């Protein structure tokens, strides 16, 4: 396993890291490893176009049109 040394880190970031580590019940070093793993090893986010293209065809657009509004339908609390 390799070592990683980060120089010139702002004091506010170090303090935030220590607070976050304490909230999770681990050392600052362990928290640093967890943050790096979460940021670098997570699967890449799917692009919106890919997500939309993966949606199944569930019918025609007419299936989702609102019916014409009548006086009866407009008075839902009457």
PDB file of N, CA and C in Angstrom:
ATOM      1  N   UNK A   1       0.852  -1.165   0.000  1.00  0.00           N
ATOM      2  CA  UNK A   1       0.000   0.000   0.000  1.00  0.00           C
ATOM      3  C   UNK A   1       0.904   1.235   0.000  1.00  0.00           C
ATOM      4  N   UNK A   2       0.532   2.241  -0.764  1.00  0.00           N
ATOM      5  CA  UNK A   2       1.339   3.448  -0.909  1.00  0.00           C
ATOM      6  C   UNK A   2       0.954   4.497   0.129  1.00  0.00           C
ATOM      7  N   UNK A   3       1.874   5.420   0.343  1.00  0.00           N
ATOM      8  CA  UNK A   3       1.624   6.562   1.222  1.00  0.00           C
ATOM      9  C   UNK A   3       1.332   7.779   0.356  1.00  0.00           C
ATOM     10  N   UNK A   4       0.532   8.672   0.886  1.00  0.00           N
ATOM     11  CA  UNK A   4       0.180   9.895   0.177  1.00  0.00           C
ATOM     12  C   UNK A   4       0.394  11.063   1.123  1.00  0.00           C
ATOM     13  N   UNK A   5       1.148  12.046   0.680  1.00  0.00           N
ATOM     14  CA  UNK A   5       1.420  13.227   1.483  1.00  0.00           C
ATOM     15  C   UNK A   5       0.851  14.433   0.747  1.00  0.00           C
ATOM     16  N   UNK A   6       0.018  15.188   1.420  1.00  0.00           N
ATOM     17  CA  UNK A   6      -0.584  16.373   0.819  1.00  0.00           C
ATOM     18  C   UNK A   6      -0.061  17.592   1.567  1.00  0.00           C
ATOM     19  N   UNK A   7       0.638  18.454   0.847  1.00  0.00           N
ATOM     20  CA  UNK A   7       1.215  19.652   1.464  1.00  0.00           C
ATOM     21  C   UNK A   7       0.373  20.874   1.144  1.00  0.00           C
ATOM     22  N   UNK A   8       0.493  21.880   1.996  1.00  0.00           N
ATOM     23  CA  UNK A   8      -0.139  23.163   1.736  1.00  0.00           C
ATOM     24  C   UNK A   8      -1.655  23.152   1.844  1.00  0.00           C
ATOM     25  N   UNK A   9      -2.199  22.307   2.695  1.00  0.00           N
ATOM     26  CA  UNK A   9      -3.651  22.236   2.877  1.00  0.00           C
ATOM     27  C   UNK A   9      -4.077  23.358   3.810  1.00  0.00           C
ATOM     28  N   UNK A  10      -5.098  24.070   3.423  1.00  0.00           N
ATOM     29  CA  UNK A  10      -5.624  25.182   4.211  1.00  0.00           C
ATOM     30  C   UNK A  10      -6.065  24.690   5.588  1.00  0.00           C
ATOM     31  N   UNK A  11      -5.799  25.496   6.613  1.00  0.00           N
ATOM     32  CA  UNK A  11      -6.156  25.117   7.988  1.00  0.00           C
ATOM     33  C   UNK A  11      -7.652  24.850   8.148  1.00  0.00           C
ATOM     34  N   UNK A  12      -8.475  25.595   7.421  1.00  0.00           N
ATOM     35  CA  UNK A  12      -9.922  25.387   7.516  1.00  0.00           C
ATOM     36  C   UNK A  12     -10.312  24.000   6.989  1.00  0.00           C
ATOM     37  N   UNK A  13      -9.630  23.539   5.938  1.00  0.00           N
ATOM     38  CA  UNK A  13      -9.907  22.195   5.419  1.00  0.00           C
ATOM     39  C   UNK A  13      -9.480  21.119   6.396  1.00  0.00           C
ATOM     40  N   UNK A  14      -8.343  21.324   7.025  1.00  0.00           N
ATOM     41  CA  UNK A  14      -7.860  20.356   8.015  1.00  0.00           C
ATOM     42  C   UNK A  14      -8.844  20.272   9.173  1.00  0.00           C
ATOM     43  N   UNK A  15      -9.328  21.412   9.626  1.00  0.00           N
ATOM     44  CA  UNK A  15     -10.287  21.433  10.735  1.00  0.00           C
ATOM     45  C   UNK A  15     -11.588  20.745  10.331  1.00  0.00           C
ATOM     46  N   UNK A  16     -12.051  21.017   9.103  1.00  0.00           N
ATOM     47  CA  UNK A  16     -13.281  20.377   8.618  1.00  0.00           C
ATOM     48  C   UNK A  16     -13.102  18.868   8.513  1.00  0.00           C
ATOM     49  N   UNK A  17     -11.915  18.429   8.077  1.00  0.00           N
ATOM     50  CA  UNK A  17     -11.628  16.999   7.990  1.00  0.00           C
ATOM     51  C   UNK A  17     -11.672  16.359   9.369  1.00  0.00           C
ATOM     52  N   UNK A  18     -11.070  17.021  10.355  1.00  0.00           N
ATOM     53  CA  UNK A  18     -11.068  16.484  11.715  1.00  0.00           C
ATOM     54  C   UNK A  18     -12.481  16.418  12.288  1.00  0.00           C
ATOM     55  N   UNK A  19     -13.299  17.429  12.026  1.00  0.00           N
ATOM     56  CA  UNK A  19     -14.678  17.419  12.526  1.00  0.00           C
ATOM     57  C   UNK A  19     -15.480  16.298  11.869  1.00  0.00           C
ATOM     58  N   UNK A  20     -15.304  16.169  10.564  1.00  0.00           N
ATOM     59  CA  UNK A  20     -16.028  15.112   9.850  1.00  0.00           C
ATOM     60  C   UNK A  20     -15.574  13.733  10.332  1.00  0.00           C
ATOM     61  N   UNK A  21     -14.282  13.576  10.561  1.00  0.00           N
ATOM     62  CA  UNK A  21     -13.758  12.305  11.065  1.00  0.00           C
ATOM     63  C   UNK A  21     -14.350  11.986  12.433  1.00  0.00           C
ATOM     64  N   UNK A  22     -14.403  12.988  13.304  1.00  0.00           N
ATOM     65  CA  UNK A  22     -14.979  12.776  14.628  1.00  0.00           C
ATOM     66  C   UNK A  22     -16.439  12.389  14.559  1.00  0.00           C
ATOM     67  N   UNK A  23     -17.172  13.010  13.629  1.00  0.00           N
ATOM     68  CA  UNK A  23     -18.594  12.689  13.471  1.00  0.00           C
ATOM     69  C   UNK A  23     -18.789  11.247  13.006  1.00  0.00           C
ATOM     70  N   UNK A  24     -17.813  10.723  12.258  1.00  0.00           N
ATOM     71  CA  UNK A  24     -17.907   9.350  11.774  1.00  0.00           C
ATOM     72  C   UNK A  24     -17.163   8.356  12.666  1.00  0.00           C
ATOM     73  N   UNK A  25     -16.575   8.855  13.754  1.00  0.00           N
ATOM     74  CA  UNK A  25     -15.910   7.972  14.710  1.00  0.00           C
ATOM     75  C   UNK A  25     -14.628   7.351  14.184  1.00  0.00           C
ATOM     76  N   UNK A  26     -13.877   8.096  13.393  1.00  0.00           N
ATOM     77  CA  UNK A  26     -12.616   7.567  12.894  1.00  0.00           C
ATOM     78  C   UNK A  26     -11.554   8.656  12.878  1.00  0.00           C
ATOM     79  N   UNK A  27     -10.335   8.263  12.641  1.00  0.00           N
ATOM     80  CA  UNK A  27      -9.232   9.224  12.624  1.00  0.00           C
ATOM     81  C   UNK A  27      -9.312  10.095  11.374  1.00  0.00           C
ATOM     82  N   UNK A  28      -8.598  11.210  11.403  1.00  0.00           N
ATOM     83  CA  UNK A  28      -8.553  12.088  10.238  1.00  0.00           C
ATOM     84  C   UNK A  28      -7.949  11.352   9.045  1.00  0.00           C
ATOM     85  N   UNK A  29      -6.966  10.509   9.307  1.00  0.00           N
ATOM     86  CA  UNK A  29      -6.349   9.749   8.227  1.00  0.00           C
ATOM     87  C   UNK A  29      -7.335   8.760   7.600  1.00  0.00           C
ATOM     88  N   UNK A  30      -8.095   8.083   8.448  1.00  0.00           N
ATOM     89  CA  UNK A  30      -9.100   7.141   7.944  1.00  0.00           C
ATOM     90  C   UNK A  30     -10.196   7.883   7.188  1.00  0.00           C
ATOM     91  N   UNK A  31     -10.573   9.050   7.678  1.00  0.00           N
ATOM     92  CA  UNK A  31     -11.591   9.856   6.989  1.00  0.00           C
ATOM     93  C   UNK A  31     -11.075  10.312   5.630  1.00  0.00           C
ATOM     94  N   UNK A  32      -9.807  10.701   5.584  1.00  0.00           N
ATOM     95  CA  UNK A  32      -9.182  11.116   4.333  1.00  0.00           C
ATOM     96  C   UNK A  32      -9.229   9.970   3.322  1.00  0.00           C
ATOM     97  N   UNK A  33      -8.901   8.758   3.761  1.00  0.00           N
ATOM     98  CA  UNK A  33      -8.967   7.595   2.875  1.00  0.00           C
ATOM     99  C   UNK A  33     -10.391   7.346   2.382  1.00  0.00           C
ATOM    100  N   UNK A  34     -11.366   7.494   3.281  1.00  0.00           N
ATOM    101  CA  UNK A  34     -12.764   7.261   2.915  1.00  0.00           C
ATOM    102  C   UNK A  34     -13.235   8.292   1.887  1.00  0.00           C
ATOM    103  N   UNK A  35     -12.837   9.543   2.076  1.00  0.00           N
ATOM    104  CA  UNK A  35     -13.221  10.593   1.127  1.00  0.00           C
ATOM    105  C   UNK A  35     -12.607  10.323  -0.238  1.00  0.00           C
ATOM    106  N   UNK A  36     -11.325   9.965  -0.260  1.00  0.00           N
ATOM    107  CA  UNK A  36     -10.666   9.667  -1.534  1.00  0.00           C
ATOM    108  C   UNK A  36     -11.322   8.477  -2.229  1.00  0.00           C
ATOM    109  N   UNK A  37     -11.606   7.426  -1.478  1.00  0.00           N
ATOM    110  CA  UNK A  37     -12.239   6.239  -2.072  1.00  0.00           C
ATOM    111  C   UNK A  37     -13.612   6.576  -2.632  1.00  0.00           C
ATOM    112  N   UNK A  38     -14.405   7.343  -1.892  1.00  0.00           N
ATOM    113  CA  UNK A  38     -15.750   7.698  -2.354  1.00  0.00           C
ATOM    114  C   UNK A  38     -15.694   8.553  -3.615  1.00  0.00           C
ATOM    115  N   UNK A  39     -14.719   9.458  -3.678  1.00  0.00           N
ATOM    116  CA  UNK A  39     -14.620  10.353  -4.825  1.00  0.00           C
ATOM    117  C   UNK A  39     -14.036   9.675  -6.057  1.00  0.00           C
ATOM    118  N   UNK A  40     -13.097   8.765  -5.852  1.00  0.00           N
ATOM    119  CA  UNK A  40     -12.368   8.220  -6.990  1.00  0.00           C
ATOM    120  C   UNK A  40     -12.808   6.831  -7.426  1.00  0.00           C
ATOM    121  N   UNK A  41     -13.433   6.072  -6.547  1.00  0.00           N
ATOM    122  CA  UNK A  41     -13.800   4.704  -6.891  1.00  0.00           C
ATOM    123  C   UNK A  41     -15.277   4.528  -7.182  1.00  0.00           C
ATOM    124  N   UNK A  42     -16.058   5.580  -7.040  1.00  0.00           N
ATOM    125  CA  UNK A  42     -17.487   5.456  -7.309  1.00  0.00           C
ATOM    126  C   UNK A  42     -17.703   5.345  -8.820  1.00  0.00           C
ATOM    127  N   UNK A  43     -18.745   4.637  -9.243  1.00  0.00           N
ATOM    128  CA  UNK A  43     -18.986   4.526 -10.683  1.00  0.00           C
ATOM    129  C   UNK A  43     -19.308   5.897 -11.269  1.00  0.00           C
ATOM    130  N   UNK A  44     -18.902   6.135 -12.512  1.00  0.00           N
ATOM    131  CA  UNK A  44     -19.183   7.439 -13.111  1.00  0.00           C
ATOM    132  C   UNK A  44     -20.685   7.663 -13.259  1.00  0.00           C
ATOM    133  N   UNK A  45     -21.078   8.907 -13.133  1.00  0.00           N
ATOM    134  CA  UNK A  45     -22.498   9.226 -13.261  1.00  0.00           C
ATOM    135  C   UNK A  45     -22.940   9.050 -14.701  1.00  0.00           C
ATOM    136  N   UNK A  46     -24.159   8.573 -14.872  1.00  0.00           N
ATOM    137  CA  UNK A  46     -24.710   8.368 -16.202  1.00  0.00           C
ATOM    138  C   UNK A  46     -25.148   9.710 -16.779  1.00  0.00           C
ATOM    139  N   UNK A  47     -24.870   9.933 -18.046  1.00  0.00           N
ATOM    140  CA  UNK A  47     -25.278  11.165 -18.704  1.00  0.00           C
ATOM    141  C   UNK A  47     -26.787  11.149 -18.894  1.00  0.00           C
ATOM    142  N   UNK A  48     -27.402  12.339 -18.873  1.00  0.00           N
ATOM    143  CA  UNK A  48     -28.851  12.445 -19.003  1.00  0.00           C
ATOM    144  C   UNK A  48     -29.339  11.808 -20.301  1.00  0.00           C
ATOM    145  N   UNK A  49     -28.641  12.050 -21.390  1.00  0.00           N
ATOM    146  CA  UNK A  49     -29.058  11.473 -22.674  1.00  0.00           C
ATOM    147  C   UNK A  49     -29.064   9.951 -22.615  1.00  0.00           C
ATOM    148  N   UNK A  50     -28.053   9.364 -21.940  1.00  0.00           N
ATOM    149  CA  UNK A  50     -28.000   7.903 -21.808  1.00  0.00           C
ATOM    150  C   UNK A  50     -29.148   7.396 -20.942  1.00  0.00           C
ATOM    151  N   UNK A  51     -29.449   8.126 -19.875  1.00  0.00           N
ATOM    152  CA  UNK A  51     -30.549   7.738 -18.997  1.00  0.00           C
ATOM    153  C   UNK A  51     -31.878   7.775 -19.739  1.00  0.00           C
ATOM    154  N   UNK A  52     -32.112   8.846 -20.485  1.00  0.00           N
ATOM    155  CA  UNK A  52     -33.365   8.964 -21.242  1.00  0.00           C
ATOM    156  C   UNK A  52     -33.469   7.883 -22.315  1.00  0.00           C
ATOM    157  N   UNK A  53     -32.360   7.588 -22.977  1.00  0.00           N
ATOM    158  CA  UNK A  53     -32.370   6.562 -24.023  1.00  0.00           C
ATOM    159  C   UNK A  53     -32.625   5.176 -23.441  1.00  0.00           C
ATOM    160  N   UNK A  54     -32.292   4.959 -22.179  1.00  0.00           N
ATOM    161  CA  UNK A  54     -32.477   3.636 -21.572  1.00  0.00           C
ATOM    162  C   UNK A  54     -33.901   3.409 -21.072  1.00  0.00           C
ATOM    163  N   UNK A  55     -34.717   4.454 -21.048  1.00  0.00           N
ATOM    164  CA  UNK A  55     -36.096   4.298 -20.570  1.00  0.00           C
ATOM    165  C   UNK A  55     -36.918   3.508 -21.579  1.00  0.00           C
ATOM    166  N   UNK A  56     -37.744   2.584 -21.104  1.00  0.00           N
ATOM    167  CA  UNK A  56     -38.546   1.774 -22.037  1.00  0.00           C
ATOM    168  C   UNK A  56     -39.667   2.599 -22.660  1.00  0.00           C
ATOM    169  N   UNK A  57     -40.094   2.172 -23.835  1.00  0.00           N
ATOM    170  CA  UNK A  57     -41.226   2.808 -24.512  1.00  0.00           C
ATOM    171  C   UNK A  57     -42.496   2.303 -23.836  1.00  0.00           C
ATOM    172  N   UNK A  58     -43.232   3.181 -23.192  1.00  0.00           N
ATOM    173  CA  UNK A  58     -44.399   2.751 -22.416  1.00  0.00           C
ATOM    174  C   UNK A  58     -45.730   3.125 -23.053  1.00  0.00           C
ATOM    175  N   UNK A  59     -45.709   3.622 -24.241  1.00  0.00           N
ATOM    176  CA  UNK A  59     -46.951   3.974 -24.897  1.00  0.00           C
ATOM    177  C   UNK A  59     -46.788   5.215 -25.741  1.00  0.00           C
ATOM    178  N   UNK A  60     -47.901   5.693 -26.247  1.00  0.00           N
ATOM    179  CA  UNK A  60     -47.848   6.889 -27.089  1.00  0.00           C
ATOM    180  C   UNK A  60     -48.015   8.135 -26.229  1.00  0.00           C
ATOM    181  N   UNK A  61     -47.620   9.255 -26.788  1.00  0.00           N
ATOM    182  CA  UNK A  61     -47.739  10.512 -26.059  1.00  0.00           C
ATOM    183  C   UNK A  61     -49.195  10.822 -25.708  1.00  0.00           C
ATOM    184  N   UNK A  62     -50.131  10.353 -26.517  1.00  0.00           N
ATOM    185  CA  UNK A  62     -51.551  10.601 -26.262  1.00  0.00           C
ATOM    186  C   UNK A  62     -52.005   9.988 -24.942  1.00  0.00           C
ATOM    187  N   UNK A  63     -51.309   8.943 -24.497  1.00  0.00           N
ATOM    188  CA  UNK A  63     -51.657   8.310 -23.224  1.00  0.00           C
ATOM    189  C   UNK A  63     -51.461   9.257 -22.047  1.00  0.00           C
ATOM    190  N   UNK A  64     -50.642  10.275 -22.237  1.00  0.00           N
ATOM    191  CA  UNK A  64     -50.298  11.165 -21.141  1.00  0.00           C
ATOM    192  C   UNK A  64     -50.915  12.555 -21.273  1.00  0.00           C
ATOM    193  N   UNK A  65     -51.795  12.749 -22.248  1.00  0.00           N
ATOM    194  CA  UNK A  65     -52.436  14.051 -22.408  1.00  0.00           C
ATOM    195  C   UNK A  65     -53.559  14.199 -21.397  1.00  0.00           C
ATOM    196  N   UNK A  66     -53.709  15.425 -20.929  1.00  0.00           N
ATOM    197  CA  UNK A  66     -54.801  15.702 -19.988  1.00  0.00           C
ATOM    198  C   UNK A  66     -56.115  15.789 -20.741  1.00  0.00           C
ATOM    199  N   UNK A  67     -57.176  15.276 -20.121  1.00  0.00           N
ATOM    200  CA  UNK A  67     -58.484  15.399 -20.782  1.00  0.00           C
ATOM    201  C   UNK A  67     -58.928  16.855 -20.791  1.00  0.00           C
ATOM    202  N   UNK A  68     -59.784  17.190 -21.744  1.00  0.00           N
ATOM    203  CA  UNK A  68     -60.307  18.556 -21.821  1.00  0.00           C
ATOM    204  C   UNK A  68     -61.024  18.876 -20.519  1.00  0.00           C
ATOM    205  N   UNK A  69     -60.795  20.067 -20.010  1.00  0.00           N
ATOM    206  CA  UNK A  69     -61.361  20.438 -18.718  1.00  0.00           C
ATOM    207  C   UNK A  69     -62.785  20.963 -18.899  1.00  0.00           C
ATOM    208  N   UNK A  70     -63.704  20.411 -18.130  1.00  0.00           N
ATOM    209  CA  UNK A  70     -65.097  20.863 -18.166  1.00  0.00           C
ATOM    210  C   UNK A  70     -65.397  21.609 -16.881  1.00  0.00           C
ATOM    211  N   UNK A  71     -66.540  22.218 -16.810  1.00  0.00           N
ATOM    212  CA  UNK A  71     -66.935  22.970 -15.614  1.00  0.00           C
ATOM    213  C   UNK A  71     -66.992  22.031 -14.408  1.00  0.00           C
ATOM    214  N   UNK A  72     -67.456  20.805 -14.601  1.00  0.00           N
ATOM    215  CA  UNK A  72     -67.517  19.846 -13.498  1.00  0.00           C
ATOM    216  C   UNK A  72     -66.124  19.488 -12.980  1.00  0.00           C
ATOM    217  N   UNK A  73     -65.236  19.240 -13.891  1.00  0.00           N
ATOM    218  CA  UNK A  73     -63.888  18.836 -13.508  1.00  0.00           C
ATOM    219  C   UNK A  73     -63.140  19.974 -12.820  1.00  0.00           C
ATOM    220  N   UNK A  74     -63.444  21.213 -13.182  1.00  0.00           N
ATOM    221  CA  UNK A  74     -62.743  22.349 -12.597  1.00  0.00           C
ATOM    222  C   UNK A  74     -63.115  22.540 -11.146  1.00  0.00           C
ATOM    223  N   UNK A  75     -64.324  22.176 -10.743  1.00  0.00           N
ATOM    224  CA  UNK A  75     -64.781  22.386  -9.371  1.00  0.00           C
ATOM    225  C   UNK A  75     -64.565  21.100  -8.566  1.00  0.00           C
ATOM    226  N   UNK A  76     -63.333  20.863  -8.188  1.00  0.00           N
ATOM    227  CA  UNK A  76     -63.025  19.635  -7.471  1.00  0.00           C
ATOM    228  C   UNK A  76     -63.380  19.691  -5.997  1.00  0.00           C
ATOM    229  N   UNK A  77     -63.574  20.871  -5.426  1.00  0.00           N
ATOM    230  CA  UNK A  77     -63.894  20.998  -3.994  1.00  0.00           C
ATOM    231  C   UNK A  77     -65.347  21.356  -3.760  1.00  0.00           C
ATOM    232  N   UNK A  78     -66.142  21.323  -4.774  1.00  0.00           N
ATOM    233  CA  UNK A  78     -67.528  21.794  -4.640  1.00  0.00           C
ATOM    234  C   UNK A  78     -68.495  20.806  -4.188  1.00  0.00           C
TER     235      UNK A  78
END
